[in-house]
Amino acid sequence: MLGISEKTLYSYENGHTFPTAPTIKKMCEVYAVEHDELIFFK
């Protein structure tokens, strides 16, 4: 649904890499949340 691999999503979840702005927008749509509700730790 996001157009990314599971490995990429795992990297986002674990703070190894960060999504691009278009990917963040798509995440908000898919998960029905606002962008400030997405948390990415480093």
N, C-alpha and C. Protein backbone atom coordinates (compact mmCIF):
# COMPACT_ATOMS: atom_id res chain seq x y z
N MET A 1 0.82 -1.21 0.00
CA MET A 1 0.00 0.00 0.00
C MET A 1 0.86 1.27 0.00
N LEU A 2 2.04 1.19 0.61
CA LEU A 2 2.91 2.35 0.66
C LEU A 2 3.86 2.43 -0.54
N GLY A 3 4.00 1.33 -1.25
CA GLY A 3 4.90 1.31 -2.39
C GLY A 3 6.36 1.20 -1.97
N ILE A 4 6.61 0.65 -0.78
CA ILE A 4 7.97 0.44 -0.29
C ILE A 4 8.10 -1.01 0.17
N SER A 5 9.32 -1.47 0.30
CA SER A 5 9.53 -2.85 0.75
C SER A 5 9.39 -2.95 2.26
N GLU A 6 9.22 -4.17 2.72
CA GLU A 6 9.17 -4.41 4.17
C GLU A 6 10.48 -4.00 4.82
N LYS A 7 11.57 -4.25 4.12
CA LYS A 7 12.90 -3.88 4.64
C LYS A 7 13.00 -2.37 4.84
N THR A 8 12.48 -1.61 3.90
CA THR A 8 12.50 -0.15 4.00
C THR A 8 11.66 0.31 5.18
N LEU A 9 10.47 -0.25 5.33
CA LEU A 9 9.60 0.11 6.45
C LEU A 9 10.29 -0.23 7.77
N TYR A 10 10.94 -1.37 7.83
CA TYR A 10 11.69 -1.77 9.02
C TYR A 10 12.78 -0.75 9.34
N SER A 11 13.46 -0.27 8.31
CA SER A 11 14.50 0.74 8.51
C SER A 11 13.92 2.03 9.08
N TYR A 12 12.74 2.42 8.61
CA TYR A 12 12.07 3.61 9.15
C TYR A 12 11.72 3.39 10.61
N GLU A 13 11.12 2.24 10.90
CA GLU A 13 10.67 1.94 12.26
C GLU A 13 11.82 1.90 13.26
N ASN A 14 13.01 1.52 12.79
CA ASN A 14 14.15 1.39 13.69
C ASN A 14 15.11 2.58 13.64
N GLY A 15 14.73 3.62 12.92
CA GLY A 15 15.53 4.83 12.87
C GLY A 15 16.81 4.75 12.08
N HIS A 16 16.93 3.74 11.21
CA HIS A 16 18.13 3.60 10.38
C HIS A 16 18.08 4.55 9.19
N THR A 17 16.88 4.74 8.65
CA THR A 17 16.66 5.68 7.56
C THR A 17 15.35 6.40 7.83
N PHE A 18 15.09 7.44 7.04
CA PHE A 18 13.88 8.22 7.23
C PHE A 18 13.13 8.34 5.91
N PRO A 19 11.81 8.34 5.97
CA PRO A 19 11.02 8.42 4.74
C PRO A 19 11.09 9.80 4.10
N THR A 20 10.85 9.84 2.81
CA THR A 20 10.77 11.10 2.08
C THR A 20 9.41 11.74 2.36
N ALA A 21 9.27 12.99 2.01
CA ALA A 21 8.00 13.70 2.21
C ALA A 21 6.83 13.00 1.51
N PRO A 22 6.98 12.57 0.25
CA PRO A 22 5.86 11.86 -0.38
C PRO A 22 5.49 10.55 0.33
N THR A 23 6.49 9.86 0.87
CA THR A 23 6.22 8.62 1.60
C THR A 23 5.49 8.93 2.91
N ILE A 24 5.90 9.99 3.59
CA ILE A 24 5.20 10.38 4.82
C ILE A 24 3.75 10.72 4.52
N LYS A 25 3.53 11.44 3.44
CA LYS A 25 2.15 11.78 3.04
C LYS A 25 1.33 10.51 2.82
N LYS A 26 1.91 9.54 2.11
CA LYS A 26 1.21 8.28 1.84
C LYS A 26 0.95 7.52 3.15
N MET A 27 1.92 7.52 4.08
CA MET A 27 1.73 6.86 5.37
C MET A 27 0.54 7.47 6.11
N CYS A 28 0.43 8.78 6.07
CA CYS A 28 -0.69 9.46 6.73
C CYS A 28 -2.02 9.02 6.14
N GLU A 29 -2.05 8.89 4.83
CA GLU A 29 -3.27 8.44 4.17
C GLU A 29 -3.60 7.00 4.52
N VAL A 30 -2.61 6.12 4.45
CA VAL A 30 -2.82 4.69 4.69
C VAL A 30 -3.21 4.43 6.15
N TYR A 31 -2.51 5.08 7.08
CA TYR A 31 -2.76 4.84 8.50
C TYR A 31 -3.80 5.78 9.11
N ALA A 32 -4.32 6.71 8.29
CA ALA A 32 -5.34 7.67 8.72
C ALA A 32 -4.90 8.45 9.96
N VAL A 33 -3.71 9.03 9.87
CA VAL A 33 -3.18 9.86 10.95
C VAL A 33 -2.62 11.15 10.35
N GLU A 34 -2.44 12.15 11.21
CA GLU A 34 -1.80 13.39 10.80
C GLU A 34 -0.29 13.21 10.83
N HIS A 35 0.43 14.02 10.07
CA HIS A 35 1.89 13.84 10.00
C HIS A 35 2.57 14.01 11.35
N ASP A 36 2.00 14.84 12.24
CA ASP A 36 2.63 15.03 13.55
C ASP A 36 2.37 13.85 14.49
N GLU A 37 1.56 12.90 14.06
CA GLU A 37 1.33 11.69 14.85
C GLU A 37 2.32 10.57 14.50
N LEU A 38 3.03 10.75 13.39
CA LEU A 38 4.07 9.78 13.01
C LEU A 38 5.34 10.14 13.76
N ILE A 39 5.96 9.16 14.36
CA ILE A 39 7.16 9.41 15.15
C ILE A 39 8.31 8.60 14.56
N PHE A 40 9.40 9.27 14.27
CA PHE A 40 10.59 8.63 13.76
C PHE A 40 11.74 8.96 14.70
N PHE A 41 12.30 7.97 15.33
CA PHE A 41 13.40 8.18 16.27
C PHE A 41 14.73 7.96 15.60
N LYS A 42 15.71 8.64 16.06
CA LYS A 42 17.08 8.45 15.59
C LYS A 42 17.94 8.12 16.78
